[in-house]
Amino acid sequence: MGKKADFQLSFDVTSADYIVGKTDRVIVDAIKTVQSHDIIQMVSGIKDAGVVPDLQAGATNFKGGDFTGVNDGSISIADVSVANSLVTLEEKYSAIQISSTILKLAQKQGVDPTDIAISDVILELKGNAIAIQYDLAIWQGDKTKTDKSVGQFVDGFVKKLKASTSTLLSGVAPVALTNSNAVATISTLLESYFTTLPKMTMEKISLYMSPSDFRILYAATYGLNGIINSQTLNEGKLPEMFTHPLYANVNIVSTKGLVGLHEYIVSRPDNLLEVVDGNAERDFIKFYFEDRDEAFLLHIAFRLGVQVARFNEVMIQKVAV
């Protein structure tokens, strides 16, 4: 066999240094697909730690210019302590990986490879993965982790809820969802929640579950016999949520951050807080070629944290499989 030919490029990728602050679109685009932004409450502008008002429903009047509530006799305003942590990611890419990505984008966009913005290359390499890790950190994060995921910097909702002595438990039998028991199991869980907290029947509630359990429940609820494909539902694509047919105030949410878990979380969406710094000077992305390693280094830093406003209004139930 002859010697394999060297792979040659007509453009130099080693000069593609890229350093931006958090206002650049590459950071915004990388996390704009984070599902948690849309299904829970976001608290922004927090630098390391702070407090936010717990805005209870009711005829509460607020003074202009601050968040001091006037108690109307039935509503109390309590401060919620929130915090976030500095999350950093670092990855290494070879020059051939960058070159291949540029060529892939060139074919997709129909342009000259030398005209492609490095920000597009970063998004192609890491954008989707950043969004996935961001969601996982919010729901499953654990600061004791030693891997390189975002979750090693953040304690997520599952960990915080299980650590709380006031967290409600449903008492539902720990059985795996199947097409035959899914509707009854989830209905029993919700009935337990509303029996314990009758006032919640007047509130908008979300039940968060993994996409795999959501698929089973959706199929069972709408009589698809567990089969979802192009003949039964929108080319097989599930919605991300649906309103429970027996509880008009309950949305069932297919939660990307609970992938791989069989934990069900029931709460008002505004009980679960995603804590970010909307104006963090320290947020950045750096992407540069390191001569010593003969590779590209990608550094990303931003702040992220989670908090539960009212633990006593949240239920978490683990279902065995």
Protein backbone atom coordinates (compact mmCIF):
# COMPACT_ATOMS: atom_id res chain seq x y z
CA MET A 1 0.00 0.00 0.00
CA GLY A 2 1.21 3.48 -0.77
CA LYS A 3 1.77 6.20 1.76
CA LYS A 4 -1.37 8.07 2.80
CA ALA A 5 -1.40 11.58 1.39
CA ASP A 6 -1.15 14.50 3.84
CA PHE A 7 -4.32 16.54 4.28
CA GLN A 8 -3.65 20.05 3.02
CA LEU A 9 -5.75 23.17 3.52
CA SER A 10 -5.67 26.36 1.53
CA PHE A 11 -6.29 28.51 4.59
CA ASP A 12 -4.51 28.94 7.93
CA VAL A 13 -6.70 28.22 10.96
CA THR A 14 -3.98 28.79 13.56
CA SER A 15 -4.51 32.56 13.43
CA ALA A 16 -8.16 32.31 14.48
CA ASP A 17 -7.91 33.87 17.94
CA TYR A 18 -11.21 35.01 19.43
CA ILE A 19 -11.81 36.78 22.75
CA VAL A 20 -15.16 38.36 23.59
CA GLY A 21 -17.18 39.51 26.56
CA LYS A 22 -20.59 38.22 27.59
CA THR A 23 -22.46 40.69 25.36
CA ASP A 24 -21.21 38.99 22.20
CA ARG A 25 -23.87 36.96 20.38
CA VAL A 26 -21.89 33.73 20.62
CA ILE A 27 -22.56 33.47 24.37
CA VAL A 28 -26.19 34.49 23.96
CA ASP A 29 -26.73 32.04 21.11
CA ALA A 30 -25.04 29.23 22.99
CA ILE A 31 -27.55 29.35 25.84
CA LYS A 32 -30.69 30.70 24.17
CA THR A 33 -31.98 27.14 23.64
CA VAL A 34 -31.75 26.37 27.37
CA GLN A 35 -35.23 25.05 28.19
CA SER A 36 -35.13 26.12 31.84
CA HIS A 37 -35.35 29.78 30.79
CA ASP A 38 -38.96 29.13 29.71
CA ILE A 39 -40.28 26.70 32.33
CA ILE A 40 -39.08 28.20 35.63
CA GLN A 41 -38.44 31.63 37.11
CA MET A 42 -35.22 33.52 36.29
CA VAL A 43 -33.53 35.92 38.68
CA SER A 44 -30.89 38.07 36.99
CA GLY A 45 -28.45 40.71 38.13
CA ILE A 46 -27.15 38.67 41.08
CA LYS A 47 -23.44 39.06 41.73
CA ASP A 48 -22.34 36.09 43.87
CA ALA A 49 -25.24 36.42 46.36
CA GLY A 50 -28.24 38.55 47.17
CA VAL A 51 -31.90 38.59 48.15
CA VAL A 52 -35.07 38.87 46.08
CA PRO A 53 -38.64 39.38 47.29
CA ASP A 54 -40.93 36.38 47.42
CA LEU A 55 -43.86 37.84 45.50
CA GLN A 56 -46.87 35.99 46.83
CA ALA A 57 -50.19 36.19 45.00
CA GLY A 58 -52.72 38.59 46.49
CA ALA A 59 -53.69 42.21 46.80
CA THR A 60 -50.27 43.32 47.96
CA ASN A 61 -49.32 46.93 47.27
CA PHE A 62 -45.71 47.85 46.63
CA LYS A 63 -44.05 51.14 47.31
CA GLY A 64 -42.56 52.81 44.31
CA GLY A 65 -38.82 52.56 43.88
CA ASP A 66 -38.18 49.57 46.10
CA PHE A 67 -39.49 46.09 46.86
CA THR A 68 -40.91 46.71 50.31
CA GLY A 69 -44.32 45.11 50.49
CA VAL A 70 -47.31 46.41 52.41
CA ASN A 71 -48.96 43.46 54.15
CA ASP A 72 -52.66 43.43 53.33
CA GLY A 73 -53.52 41.17 56.26
CA SER A 74 -53.28 37.86 54.45
CA ILE A 75 -50.15 38.16 52.35
CA SER A 76 -46.62 38.21 53.68
CA ILE A 77 -43.50 39.21 51.79
CA ALA A 78 -40.35 37.32 52.64
CA ASP A 79 -36.86 37.71 51.27
CA VAL A 80 -35.37 34.76 49.41
CA SER A 81 -31.60 34.35 49.61
CA VAL A 82 -30.11 33.53 46.22
CA ALA A 83 -26.58 32.89 45.01
CA ASN A 84 -24.69 31.78 41.95
CA SER A 85 -21.27 30.32 41.28
CA LEU A 86 -18.65 30.91 38.64
CA VAL A 87 -18.91 28.13 36.06
CA THR A 88 -15.93 27.51 33.80
CA LEU A 89 -15.44 25.21 30.84
CA GLU A 90 -12.20 24.42 29.09
CA GLU A 91 -11.76 22.20 26.06
CA LYS A 92 -9.04 21.47 23.56
CA TYR A 93 -9.54 21.08 19.80
CA SER A 94 -7.00 20.08 17.20
CA ALA A 95 -6.42 22.20 14.11
CA ILE A 96 -7.92 19.46 11.95
CA GLN A 97 -11.14 19.55 14.03
CA ILE A 98 -11.42 23.29 13.46
CA SER A 99 -10.66 22.92 9.77
CA SER A 100 -13.24 20.18 9.33
CA THR A 101 -15.85 22.27 11.15
CA ILE A 102 -15.14 25.26 8.92
CA LEU A 103 -15.52 23.10 5.81
CA LYS A 104 -18.78 21.69 7.16
CA LEU A 105 -20.13 25.18 7.74
CA ALA A 106 -18.94 26.28 4.31
CA GLN A 107 -20.91 23.49 2.67
CA LYS A 108 -23.97 24.32 4.76
CA GLN A 109 -23.81 28.06 4.14
CA GLY A 110 -22.45 27.95 0.61
CA VAL A 111 -19.65 30.42 1.29
CA ASP A 112 -15.88 30.57 1.09
CA PRO A 113 -14.34 28.87 4.18
CA THR A 114 -12.06 31.85 4.71
CA ASP A 115 -15.11 34.09 5.25
CA ILE A 116 -16.67 32.11 8.10
CA ALA A 117 -16.74 33.84 11.48
CA ILE A 118 -14.95 32.06 14.31
CA SER A 119 -18.04 32.63 16.45
CA ASP A 120 -19.96 30.33 14.09
CA VAL A 121 -17.26 27.70 14.52
CA ILE A 122 -17.53 27.87 18.32
CA LEU A 123 -21.31 27.53 18.18
CA GLU A 124 -21.05 24.56 15.84
CA LEU A 125 -18.52 22.85 18.11
CA LYS A 126 -19.99 23.61 21.50
CA GLY A 127 -23.24 25.59 21.35
CA ASN A 128 -25.66 22.69 21.69
CA ALA A 129 -23.52 20.94 24.31
CA ILE A 130 -23.38 24.10 26.44
CA ALA A 131 -27.17 24.36 26.42
CA ILE A 132 -27.56 20.69 27.39
CA GLN A 133 -25.05 20.94 30.24
CA TYR A 134 -26.68 24.17 31.42
CA ASP A 135 -30.08 22.47 31.76
CA LEU A 136 -28.54 19.42 33.44
CA ALA A 137 -26.72 21.65 35.93
CA ILE A 138 -29.93 23.46 36.90
CA TRP A 139 -31.83 20.26 37.62
CA GLN A 140 -29.17 17.64 38.46
CA GLY A 141 -26.09 19.68 39.35
CA ASP A 142 -23.88 18.43 42.15
CA LYS A 143 -20.85 20.37 43.39
CA THR A 144 -19.20 17.15 44.56
CA LYS A 145 -18.78 15.92 40.99
CA THR A 146 -15.26 15.61 39.66
CA ASP A 147 -16.11 15.48 35.95
CA LYS A 148 -15.82 18.46 33.62
CA SER A 149 -19.53 19.13 33.28
CA VAL A 150 -21.25 22.37 34.29
CA GLY A 151 -22.96 20.38 37.06
CA GLN A 152 -19.80 20.19 39.14
CA PHE A 153 -20.19 23.91 39.91
CA VAL A 154 -23.91 24.00 40.76
CA ASP A 155 -26.18 22.17 43.21
CA GLY A 156 -29.33 21.53 41.19
CA PHE A 157 -32.99 21.34 42.20
CA VAL A 158 -33.02 17.58 42.81
CA LYS A 159 -30.16 17.82 45.29
CA LYS A 160 -31.54 20.92 47.03
CA LEU A 161 -35.03 19.44 47.37
CA LYS A 162 -33.78 16.14 48.77
CA ALA A 163 -31.61 18.00 51.28
CA SER A 164 -34.57 19.99 52.59
CA THR A 165 -36.33 18.65 55.68
CA SER A 166 -39.53 20.46 54.65
CA THR A 167 -39.76 18.97 51.16
CA LEU A 168 -43.06 17.20 50.61
CA LEU A 169 -43.21 13.55 49.65
CA SER A 170 -46.19 12.18 47.79
CA GLY A 171 -46.36 8.66 49.19
CA VAL A 172 -47.09 7.28 45.73
CA ALA A 173 -46.02 3.67 45.22
CA PRO A 174 -42.54 3.70 43.66
CA VAL A 175 -43.29 1.86 40.44
CA ALA A 176 -42.01 2.50 36.94
CA LEU A 177 -44.39 4.17 34.52
CA THR A 178 -45.94 1.90 31.87
CA ASN A 179 -48.61 2.54 29.30
CA SER A 180 -51.12 0.77 31.56
CA ASN A 181 -50.34 2.48 34.88
CA ALA A 182 -49.02 5.92 33.87
CA VAL A 183 -52.31 7.83 33.97
CA ALA A 184 -53.34 6.41 37.36
CA THR A 185 -49.88 6.82 38.90
CA ILE A 186 -49.54 10.49 37.94
CA SER A 187 -53.14 11.25 38.90
CA THR A 188 -52.53 9.73 42.34
CA LEU A 189 -49.37 11.80 42.73
CA LEU A 190 -51.22 15.02 41.87
CA GLU A 191 -54.14 14.13 44.11
CA SER A 192 -51.73 13.63 46.98
CA TYR A 193 -50.18 17.03 46.31
CA PHE A 194 -53.52 18.84 46.23
CA THR A 195 -54.80 16.99 49.31
CA THR A 196 -51.77 18.19 51.25
CA LEU A 197 -51.95 21.70 49.80
CA PRO A 198 -55.59 22.46 48.89
CA LYS A 199 -54.82 26.10 48.06
CA MET A 200 -52.72 24.93 45.12
CA THR A 201 -55.83 23.88 43.22
CA MET A 202 -56.22 27.61 42.45
CA GLU A 203 -52.63 28.03 41.24
CA LYS A 204 -50.89 27.22 37.98
CA ILE A 205 -48.78 24.13 38.68
CA SER A 206 -46.10 22.30 36.70
CA LEU A 207 -45.14 18.66 37.02
CA TYR A 208 -41.59 18.22 35.74
CA MET A 209 -40.43 14.79 34.53
CA SER A 210 -37.80 13.26 32.25
CA PRO A 211 -38.50 13.15 28.49
CA SER A 212 -38.66 9.34 28.60
CA ASP A 213 -41.38 9.29 31.30
CA PHE A 214 -43.17 12.15 29.56
CA ARG A 215 -43.30 10.05 26.39
CA ILE A 216 -44.94 7.15 28.26
CA LEU A 217 -47.46 9.41 30.02
CA TYR A 218 -48.34 11.29 26.83
CA ALA A 219 -48.91 8.07 24.90
CA ALA A 220 -51.03 6.60 27.71
CA THR A 221 -53.04 9.80 28.19
CA TYR A 222 -53.96 10.14 24.55
CA GLY A 223 -54.51 6.45 23.82
CA LEU A 224 -51.59 5.88 21.49
CA ASN A 225 -50.90 2.44 22.99
CA GLY A 226 -47.35 3.49 23.71
CA ILE A 227 -46.57 4.06 20.03
CA ILE A 228 -45.58 7.50 18.82
CA ASN A 229 -44.39 7.76 15.24
CA SER A 230 -45.00 9.68 12.02
CA GLN A 231 -48.47 8.16 11.73
CA THR A 232 -49.66 9.10 15.20
CA LEU A 233 -48.23 12.49 16.12
CA ASN A 234 -46.63 15.31 14.14
CA GLU A 235 -44.02 13.10 12.47
CA GLY A 236 -43.21 11.55 15.82
CA LYS A 237 -42.17 14.80 17.51
CA LEU A 238 -43.54 15.16 21.01
CA PRO A 239 -44.58 18.51 22.48
CA GLU A 240 -42.55 19.72 25.46
CA MET A 241 -45.64 20.05 27.65
CA PHE A 242 -49.35 19.41 27.80
CA THR A 243 -52.18 20.28 30.17
CA HIS A 244 -53.34 17.37 32.29
CA PRO A 245 -56.88 16.43 31.15
CA LEU A 246 -58.16 16.01 34.73
CA TYR A 247 -56.35 18.99 36.28
CA ALA A 248 -56.76 22.08 34.13
CA ASN A 249 -54.24 24.01 36.27
CA VAL A 250 -51.44 21.44 35.80
CA ASN A 251 -48.91 21.42 32.97
CA ILE A 252 -46.89 18.24 32.47
CA VAL A 253 -43.41 19.29 31.32
CA SER A 254 -40.89 17.16 29.47
CA THR A 255 -37.80 18.45 31.25
CA LYS A 256 -34.48 18.22 29.43
CA GLY A 257 -32.60 18.76 32.69
CA LEU A 258 -34.08 15.56 34.17
CA VAL A 259 -32.78 13.29 31.40
CA GLY A 260 -31.80 9.91 32.85
CA LEU A 261 -33.69 10.43 36.12
CA HIS A 262 -37.09 9.18 37.25
CA GLU A 263 -37.77 12.06 39.62
CA TYR A 264 -41.04 13.96 39.48
CA ILE A 265 -41.09 17.53 40.78
CA VAL A 266 -44.41 19.33 41.37
CA SER A 267 -44.35 23.07 41.97
CA ARG A 268 -45.48 26.46 40.93
CA PRO A 269 -42.93 27.50 38.27
CA ASP A 270 -42.03 30.65 40.22
CA ASN A 271 -40.92 28.53 43.19
CA LEU A 272 -37.92 27.30 41.21
CA LEU A 273 -35.38 30.04 40.59
CA GLU A 274 -32.58 30.09 38.02
CA VAL A 275 -30.05 32.59 39.38
CA VAL A 276 -27.83 34.38 36.87
CA ASP A 277 -25.85 37.59 36.62
CA GLY A 278 -27.40 39.50 33.76
CA ASN A 279 -24.52 41.98 33.68
CA ALA A 280 -21.50 39.92 34.65
CA GLU A 281 -18.27 41.61 33.70
CA ARG A 282 -16.45 38.34 34.29
CA ASP A 283 -18.43 36.33 31.74
CA PHE A 284 -16.34 35.60 28.68
CA ILE A 285 -15.36 33.23 25.90
CA LYS A 286 -11.75 32.87 24.82
CA PHE A 287 -10.75 30.80 21.82
CA TYR A 288 -7.15 30.79 20.68
CA PHE A 289 -4.39 28.67 19.20
CA GLU A 290 -1.77 27.48 21.67
CA ASP A 291 1.58 26.86 19.98
CA ARG A 292 2.86 24.70 22.82
CA ASP A 293 -0.08 22.28 22.60
CA GLU A 294 -0.50 22.72 18.85
CA ALA A 295 -4.24 22.90 19.49
CA PHE A 296 -7.05 25.36 20.01
CA LEU A 297 -8.15 26.08 23.58
CA LEU A 298 -11.71 27.14 24.36
CA HIS A 299 -12.44 28.82 27.70
CA ILE A 300 -15.96 29.79 28.77
CA ALA A 301 -17.00 31.40 32.05
CA PHE A 302 -20.38 32.53 33.36
CA ARG A 303 -22.35 32.57 36.62
CA LEU A 304 -25.20 30.19 37.42
CA GLY A 305 -27.11 29.01 40.47
CA VAL A 306 -30.53 27.72 41.55
CA GLN A 307 -32.76 28.30 44.57
CA VAL A 308 -36.16 27.12 45.79
CA ALA A 309 -38.31 29.97 47.09
CA ARG A 310 -40.81 27.93 49.12
CA PHE A 311 -39.69 24.38 49.85
CA ASN A 312 -42.94 23.53 51.62
CA GLU A 313 -44.87 23.99 48.36
CA VAL A 314 -42.73 21.63 46.31
CA MET A 315 -43.07 17.86 45.99
CA ILE A 316 -40.36 15.54 44.71
CA GLN A 317 -41.07 11.86 44.13
CA LYS A 318 -38.61 9.25 42.91
CA VAL A 319 -40.11 6.39 40.93
CA ALA A 320 -38.19 3.13 40.84
CA VAL A 321 -37.44 1.41 37.55
